[in-house]
Amino acid sequence: MNDDGNRAAEIGREIMTTAQAAEYLKVSKQSLYDACARQEVPHNRIGQRLIFSRPALLEWARGRYVA
């Protein structure tokens, strides 16, 4: 795989859906949606869809990231 392909694969592992992020954080999807609405959890929007960065969530969970 070339460098661009390796980077794309790496980014794909770092970005999570709401379901994946909820499972990673051991919370319900609704709890995660609610926390996002309160701007408590680091996330981004693509249209109506929420996406989450695995490294940002890990830092947030460790208390070192401010959403």
PDB file of N, CA and C in Angstrom:
ATOM      1  N   MET A   1       0.855  -1.179   0.000  1.00  0.00           N
ATOM      2  CA  MET A   1       0.000   0.000   0.000  1.00  0.00           C
ATOM      3  C   MET A   1       0.899   1.240   0.000  1.00  0.00           C
ATOM      4  N   ASN A   2       0.519   2.266  -0.747  1.00  0.00           N
ATOM      5  CA  ASN A   2       1.330   3.480  -0.809  1.00  0.00           C
ATOM      6  C   ASN A   2       1.091   4.345   0.427  1.00  0.00           C
ATOM      7  N   ASP A   3       1.846   5.442   0.532  1.00  0.00           N
ATOM      8  CA  ASP A   3       1.735   6.320   1.704  1.00  0.00           C
ATOM      9  C   ASP A   3       0.334   6.891   1.861  1.00  0.00           C
ATOM     10  N   ASP A   4      -0.298   7.288   0.737  1.00  0.00           N
ATOM     11  CA  ASP A   4      -1.659   7.821   0.806  1.00  0.00           C
ATOM     12  C   ASP A   4      -2.632   6.765   1.308  1.00  0.00           C
ATOM     13  N   GLY A   5      -2.460   5.547   0.859  1.00  0.00           N
ATOM     14  CA  GLY A   5      -3.324   4.454   1.307  1.00  0.00           C
ATOM     15  C   GLY A   5      -3.124   4.132   2.768  1.00  0.00           C
ATOM     16  N   ASN A   6      -1.876   4.179   3.216  1.00  0.00           N
ATOM     17  CA  ASN A   6      -1.592   3.934   4.632  1.00  0.00           C
ATOM     18  C   ASN A   6      -2.213   5.021   5.502  1.00  0.00           C
ATOM     19  N   ARG A   7      -2.104   6.258   5.069  1.00  0.00           N
ATOM     20  CA  ARG A   7      -2.671   7.382   5.840  1.00  0.00           C
ATOM     21  C   ARG A   7      -4.187   7.284   5.884  1.00  0.00           C
ATOM     22  N   ALA A   8      -4.810   6.925   4.767  1.00  0.00           N
ATOM     23  CA  ALA A   8      -6.265   6.789   4.730  1.00  0.00           C
ATOM     24  C   ALA A   8      -6.718   5.681   5.677  1.00  0.00           C
ATOM     25  N   ALA A   9      -5.995   4.576   5.699  1.00  0.00           N
ATOM     26  CA  ALA A   9      -6.337   3.477   6.605  1.00  0.00           C
ATOM     27  C   ALA A   9      -6.168   3.912   8.053  1.00  0.00           C
ATOM     28  N   GLU A  10      -5.108   4.672   8.334  1.00  0.00           N
ATOM     29  CA  GLU A  10      -4.870   5.169   9.691  1.00  0.00           C
ATOM     30  C   GLU A  10      -6.002   6.099  10.132  1.00  0.00           C
ATOM     31  N   ILE A  11      -6.400   7.011   9.258  1.00  0.00           N
ATOM     32  CA  ILE A  11      -7.493   7.930   9.577  1.00  0.00           C
ATOM     33  C   ILE A  11      -8.777   7.153   9.801  1.00  0.00           C
ATOM     34  N   GLY A  12      -9.023   6.142   8.989  1.00  0.00           N
ATOM     35  CA  GLY A  12     -10.222   5.319   9.142  1.00  0.00           C
ATOM     36  C   GLY A  12     -10.290   4.648  10.500  1.00  0.00           C
ATOM     37  N   ARG A  13      -9.166   4.275  11.056  1.00  0.00           N
ATOM     38  CA  ARG A  13      -9.148   3.657  12.390  1.00  0.00           C
ATOM     39  C   ARG A  13      -9.341   4.689  13.490  1.00  0.00           C
ATOM     40  N   GLU A  14      -8.999   5.942  13.221  1.00  0.00           N
ATOM     41  CA  GLU A  14      -9.091   7.000  14.229  1.00  0.00           C
ATOM     42  C   GLU A  14     -10.477   7.620  14.306  1.00  0.00           C
ATOM     43  N   ILE A  15     -11.265   7.520  13.244  1.00  0.00           N
ATOM     44  CA  ILE A  15     -12.588   8.138  13.194  1.00  0.00           C
ATOM     45  C   ILE A  15     -13.644   7.091  13.530  1.00  0.00           C
ATOM     46  N   MET A  16     -14.584   7.461  14.394  1.00  0.00           N
ATOM     47  CA  MET A  16     -15.618   6.530  14.827  1.00  0.00           C
ATOM     48  C   MET A  16     -17.006   7.103  14.614  1.00  0.00           C
ATOM     49  N   THR A  17     -17.953   6.206  14.407  1.00  0.00           N
ATOM     50  CA  THR A  17     -19.364   6.575  14.346  1.00  0.00           C
ATOM     51  C   THR A  17     -19.884   6.750  15.768  1.00  0.00           C
ATOM     52  N   THR A  18     -21.116   7.204  15.873  1.00  0.00           N
ATOM     53  CA  THR A  18     -21.730   7.349  17.198  1.00  0.00           C
ATOM     54  C   THR A  18     -21.799   6.008  17.913  1.00  0.00           C
ATOM     55  N   ALA A  19     -22.201   4.973  17.201  1.00  0.00           N
ATOM     56  CA  ALA A  19     -22.306   3.640  17.816  1.00  0.00           C
ATOM     57  C   ALA A  19     -20.942   3.155  18.300  1.00  0.00           C
ATOM     58  N   GLN A  20     -19.913   3.341  17.487  1.00  0.00           N
ATOM     59  CA  GLN A  20     -18.565   2.925  17.877  1.00  0.00           C
ATOM     60  C   GLN A  20     -18.058   3.722  19.070  1.00  0.00           C
ATOM     61  N   ALA A  21     -18.293   5.031  19.054  1.00  0.00           N
ATOM     62  CA  ALA A  21     -17.836   5.881  20.153  1.00  0.00           C
ATOM     63  C   ALA A  21     -18.559   5.537  21.450  1.00  0.00           C
ATOM     64  N   ALA A  22     -19.867   5.275  21.360  1.00  0.00           N
ATOM     65  CA  ALA A  22     -20.632   4.907  22.556  1.00  0.00           C
ATOM     66  C   ALA A  22     -20.094   3.598  23.142  1.00  0.00           C
ATOM     67  N   GLU A  23     -19.813   2.638  22.284  1.00  0.00           N
ATOM     68  CA  GLU A  23     -19.265   1.363  22.756  1.00  0.00           C
ATOM     69  C   GLU A  23     -17.882   1.577  23.371  1.00  0.00           C
ATOM     70  N   TYR A  24     -17.058   2.388  22.729  1.00  0.00           N
ATOM     71  CA  TYR A  24     -15.711   2.690  23.217  1.00  0.00           C
ATOM     72  C   TYR A  24     -15.761   3.328  24.602  1.00  0.00           C
ATOM     73  N   LEU A  25     -16.723   4.231  24.805  1.00  0.00           N
ATOM     74  CA  LEU A  25     -16.865   4.925  26.086  1.00  0.00           C
ATOM     75  C   LEU A  25     -17.720   4.175  27.095  1.00  0.00           C
ATOM     76  N   LYS A  26     -18.334   3.072  26.663  1.00  0.00           N
ATOM     77  CA  LYS A  26     -19.190   2.246  27.536  1.00  0.00           C
ATOM     78  C   LYS A  26     -20.407   3.023  28.035  1.00  0.00           C
ATOM     79  N   VAL A  27     -21.030   3.780  27.101  1.00  0.00           N
ATOM     80  CA  VAL A  27     -22.259   4.510  27.395  1.00  0.00           C
ATOM     81  C   VAL A  27     -23.273   4.204  26.300  1.00  0.00           C
ATOM     82  N   SER A  28     -24.528   4.556  26.537  1.00  0.00           N
ATOM     83  CA  SER A  28     -25.539   4.361  25.505  1.00  0.00           C
ATOM     84  C   SER A  28     -25.375   5.421  24.422  1.00  0.00           C
ATOM     85  N   LYS A  29     -25.906   5.119  23.238  1.00  0.00           N
ATOM     86  CA  LYS A  29     -25.866   6.122  22.172  1.00  0.00           C
ATOM     87  C   LYS A  29     -26.625   7.374  22.592  1.00  0.00           C
ATOM     88  N   GLN A  30     -27.749   7.211  23.294  1.00  0.00           N
ATOM     89  CA  GLN A  30     -28.524   8.375  23.721  1.00  0.00           C
ATOM     90  C   GLN A  30     -27.734   9.237  24.691  1.00  0.00           C
ATOM     91  N   SER A  31     -27.014   8.608  25.617  1.00  0.00           N
ATOM     92  CA  SER A  31     -26.176   9.382  26.543  1.00  0.00           C
ATOM     93  C   SER A  31     -25.113  10.158  25.791  1.00  0.00           C
ATOM     94  N   LEU A  32     -24.552   9.544  24.748  1.00  0.00           N
ATOM     95  CA  LEU A  32     -23.535  10.221  23.949  1.00  0.00           C
ATOM     96  C   LEU A  32     -24.154  11.383  23.166  1.00  0.00           C
ATOM     97  N   TYR A  33     -25.317  11.163  22.563  1.00  0.00           N
ATOM     98  CA  TYR A  33     -26.014  12.255  21.864  1.00  0.00           C
ATOM     99  C   TYR A  33     -26.281  13.421  22.823  1.00  0.00           C
ATOM    100  N   ASP A  34     -26.754  13.106  24.018  1.00  0.00           N
ATOM    101  CA  ASP A  34     -27.057  14.146  25.004  1.00  0.00           C
ATOM    102  C   ASP A  34     -25.794  14.920  25.387  1.00  0.00           C
ATOM    103  N   ALA A  35     -24.691  14.209  25.603  1.00  0.00           N
ATOM    104  CA  ALA A  35     -23.435  14.857  25.970  1.00  0.00           C
ATOM    105  C   ALA A  35     -22.933  15.747  24.831  1.00  0.00           C
ATOM    106  N   CYS A  36     -23.130  15.313  23.600  1.00  0.00           N
ATOM    107  CA  CYS A  36     -22.735  16.131  22.444  1.00  0.00           C
ATOM    108  C   CYS A  36     -23.584  17.397  22.371  1.00  0.00           C
ATOM    109  N   ALA A  37     -24.867  17.255  22.632  1.00  0.00           N
ATOM    110  CA  ALA A  37     -25.763  18.421  22.600  1.00  0.00           C
ATOM    111  C   ALA A  37     -25.349  19.454  23.639  1.00  0.00           C
ATOM    112  N   ARG A  38     -24.789  18.990  24.751  1.00  0.00           N
ATOM    113  CA  ARG A  38     -24.309  19.892  25.808  1.00  0.00           C
ATOM    114  C   ARG A  38     -22.857  20.329  25.573  1.00  0.00           C
ATOM    115  N   GLN A  39     -22.284  19.913  24.434  1.00  0.00           N
ATOM    116  CA  GLN A  39     -20.895  20.234  24.080  1.00  0.00           C
ATOM    117  C   GLN A  39     -19.903  19.713  25.112  1.00  0.00           C
ATOM    118  N   GLU A  40     -20.200  18.566  25.699  1.00  0.00           N
ATOM    119  CA  GLU A  40     -19.325  17.981  26.720  1.00  0.00           C
ATOM    120  C   GLU A  40     -18.301  17.009  26.143  1.00  0.00           C
ATOM    121  N   VAL A  41     -18.542  16.512  24.950  1.00  0.00           N
ATOM    122  CA  VAL A  41     -17.694  15.480  24.347  1.00  0.00           C
ATOM    123  C   VAL A  41     -17.147  16.012  23.023  1.00  0.00           C
ATOM    124  N   PRO A  42     -15.854  15.808  22.752  1.00  0.00           N
ATOM    125  CA  PRO A  42     -15.306  16.267  21.473  1.00  0.00           C
ATOM    126  C   PRO A  42     -15.914  15.483  20.311  1.00  0.00           C
ATOM    127  N   HIS A  43     -16.435  16.197  19.340  1.00  0.00           N
ATOM    128  CA  HIS A  43     -17.045  15.582  18.162  1.00  0.00           C
ATOM    129  C   HIS A  43     -17.077  16.587  17.031  1.00  0.00           C
ATOM    130  N   ASN A  44     -17.369  16.094  15.847  1.00  0.00           N
ATOM    131  CA  ASN A  44     -17.557  16.942  14.672  1.00  0.00           C
ATOM    132  C   ASN A  44     -18.826  16.487  13.979  1.00  0.00           C
ATOM    133  N   ARG A  45     -19.359  17.363  13.159  1.00  0.00           N
ATOM    134  CA  ARG A  45     -20.550  17.047  12.375  1.00  0.00           C
ATOM    135  C   ARG A  45     -20.212  17.070  10.895  1.00  0.00           C
ATOM    136  N   ILE A  46     -20.768  16.112  10.196  1.00  0.00           N
ATOM    137  CA  ILE A  46     -20.785  16.127   8.740  1.00  0.00           C
ATOM    138  C   ILE A  46     -22.256  16.063   8.387  1.00  0.00           C
ATOM    139  N   GLY A  47     -22.822  17.199   8.059  1.00  0.00           N
ATOM    140  CA  GLY A  47     -24.271  17.282   7.861  1.00  0.00           C
ATOM    141  C   GLY A  47     -24.956  16.986   9.187  1.00  0.00           C
ATOM    142  N   GLN A  48     -25.834  16.002   9.182  1.00  0.00           N
ATOM    143  CA  GLN A  48     -26.531  15.585  10.395  1.00  0.00           C
ATOM    144  C   GLN A  48     -25.757  14.523  11.182  1.00  0.00           C
ATOM    145  N   ARG A  49     -24.701  14.001  10.582  1.00  0.00           N
ATOM    146  CA  ARG A  49     -23.970  12.886  11.173  1.00  0.00           C
ATOM    147  C   ARG A  49     -22.874  13.357  12.119  1.00  0.00           C
ATOM    148  N   LEU A  50     -22.783  12.703  13.270  1.00  0.00           N
ATOM    149  CA  LEU A  50     -21.706  12.979  14.220  1.00  0.00           C
ATOM    150  C   LEU A  50     -20.559  12.012  13.964  1.00  0.00           C
ATOM    151  N   ILE A  51     -19.344  12.514  14.047  1.00  0.00           N
ATOM    152  CA  ILE A  51     -18.170  11.649  13.989  1.00  0.00           C
ATOM    153  C   ILE A  51     -17.265  11.999  15.165  1.00  0.00           C
ATOM    154  N   PHE A  52     -16.462  11.026  15.557  1.00  0.00           N
ATOM    155  CA  PHE A  52     -15.630  11.154  16.743  1.00  0.00           C
ATOM    156  C   PHE A  52     -14.212  10.702  16.435  1.00  0.00           C
ATOM    157  N   SER A  53     -13.251  11.409  17.004  1.00  0.00           N
ATOM    158  CA  SER A  53     -11.845  11.048  16.883  1.00  0.00           C
ATOM    159  C   SER A  53     -11.468  10.182  18.089  1.00  0.00           C
ATOM    160  N   ARG A  54     -10.975   8.989  17.811  1.00  0.00           N
ATOM    161  CA  ARG A  54     -10.562   8.089  18.899  1.00  0.00           C
ATOM    162  C   ARG A  54      -9.514   8.751  19.806  1.00  0.00           C
ATOM    163  N   PRO A  55      -8.450   9.373  19.252  1.00  0.00           N
ATOM    164  CA  PRO A  55      -7.470  10.023  20.134  1.00  0.00           C
ATOM    165  C   PRO A  55      -8.074  11.156  20.969  1.00  0.00           C
ATOM    166  N   ALA A  56      -8.981  11.943  20.387  1.00  0.00           N
ATOM    167  CA  ALA A  56      -9.608  13.037  21.138  1.00  0.00           C
ATOM    168  C   ALA A  56     -10.475  12.485  22.266  1.00  0.00           C
ATOM    169  N   LEU A  57     -11.207  11.403  21.993  1.00  0.00           N
ATOM    170  CA  LEU A  57     -12.037  10.800  23.045  1.00  0.00           C
ATOM    171  C   LEU A  57     -11.182  10.236  24.170  1.00  0.00           C
ATOM    172  N   LEU A  58     -10.058   9.637  23.811  1.00  0.00           N
ATOM    173  CA  LEU A  58      -9.161   9.099  24.830  1.00  0.00           C
ATOM    174  C   LEU A  58      -8.616  10.224  25.713  1.00  0.00           C
ATOM    175  N   GLU A  59      -8.193  11.318  25.108  1.00  0.00           N
ATOM    176  CA  GLU A  59      -7.704  12.470  25.884  1.00  0.00           C
ATOM    177  C   GLU A  59      -8.822  13.041  26.756  1.00  0.00           C
ATOM    178  N   TRP A  60     -10.022  13.145  26.185  1.00  0.00           N
ATOM    179  CA  TRP A  60     -11.170  13.658  26.943  1.00  0.00           C
ATOM    180  C   TRP A  60     -11.461  12.750  28.145  1.00  0.00           C
ATOM    181  N   ALA A  61     -11.458  11.446  27.921  1.00  0.00           N
ATOM    182  CA  ALA A  61     -11.743  10.494  29.001  1.00  0.00           C
ATOM    183  C   ALA A  61     -10.675  10.548  30.095  1.00  0.00           C
ATOM    184  N   ARG A  62      -9.476  10.858  29.703  1.00  0.00           N
ATOM    185  CA  ARG A  62      -8.392  10.998  30.680  1.00  0.00           C
ATOM    186  C   ARG A  62      -8.421  12.351  31.377  1.00  0.00           C
ATOM    187  N   GLY A  63      -9.306  13.245  30.926  1.00  0.00           N
ATOM    188  CA  GLY A  63      -9.448  14.542  31.571  1.00  0.00           C
ATOM    189  C   GLY A  63      -8.506  15.602  31.064  1.00  0.00           C
ATOM    190  N   ARG A  64      -7.855  15.336  29.935  1.00  0.00           N
ATOM    191  CA  ARG A  64      -6.888  16.299  29.411  1.00  0.00           C
ATOM    192  C   ARG A  64      -7.398  17.055  28.192  1.00  0.00           C
ATOM    193  N   TYR A  65      -8.618  16.783  27.783  1.00  0.00           N
ATOM    194  CA  TYR A  65      -9.190  17.436  26.598  1.00  0.00           C
ATOM    195  C   TYR A  65     -10.423  18.188  27.030  1.00  0.00           C
ATOM    196  N   VAL A  66     -10.520  19.420  26.637  1.00  0.00           N
ATOM    197  CA  VAL A  66     -11.700  20.220  26.934  1.00  0.00           C
ATOM    198  C   VAL A  66     -12.504  20.357  25.660  1.00  0.00           C
ATOM    199  N   ALA A  67     -13.733  19.845  25.676  1.00  0.00           N
ATOM    200  CA  ALA A  67     -14.585  19.882  24.471  1.00  0.00           C
ATOM    201  C   ALA A  67     -15.004  21.297  24.153  1.00  0.00           C
TER     202      ALA A  67
END
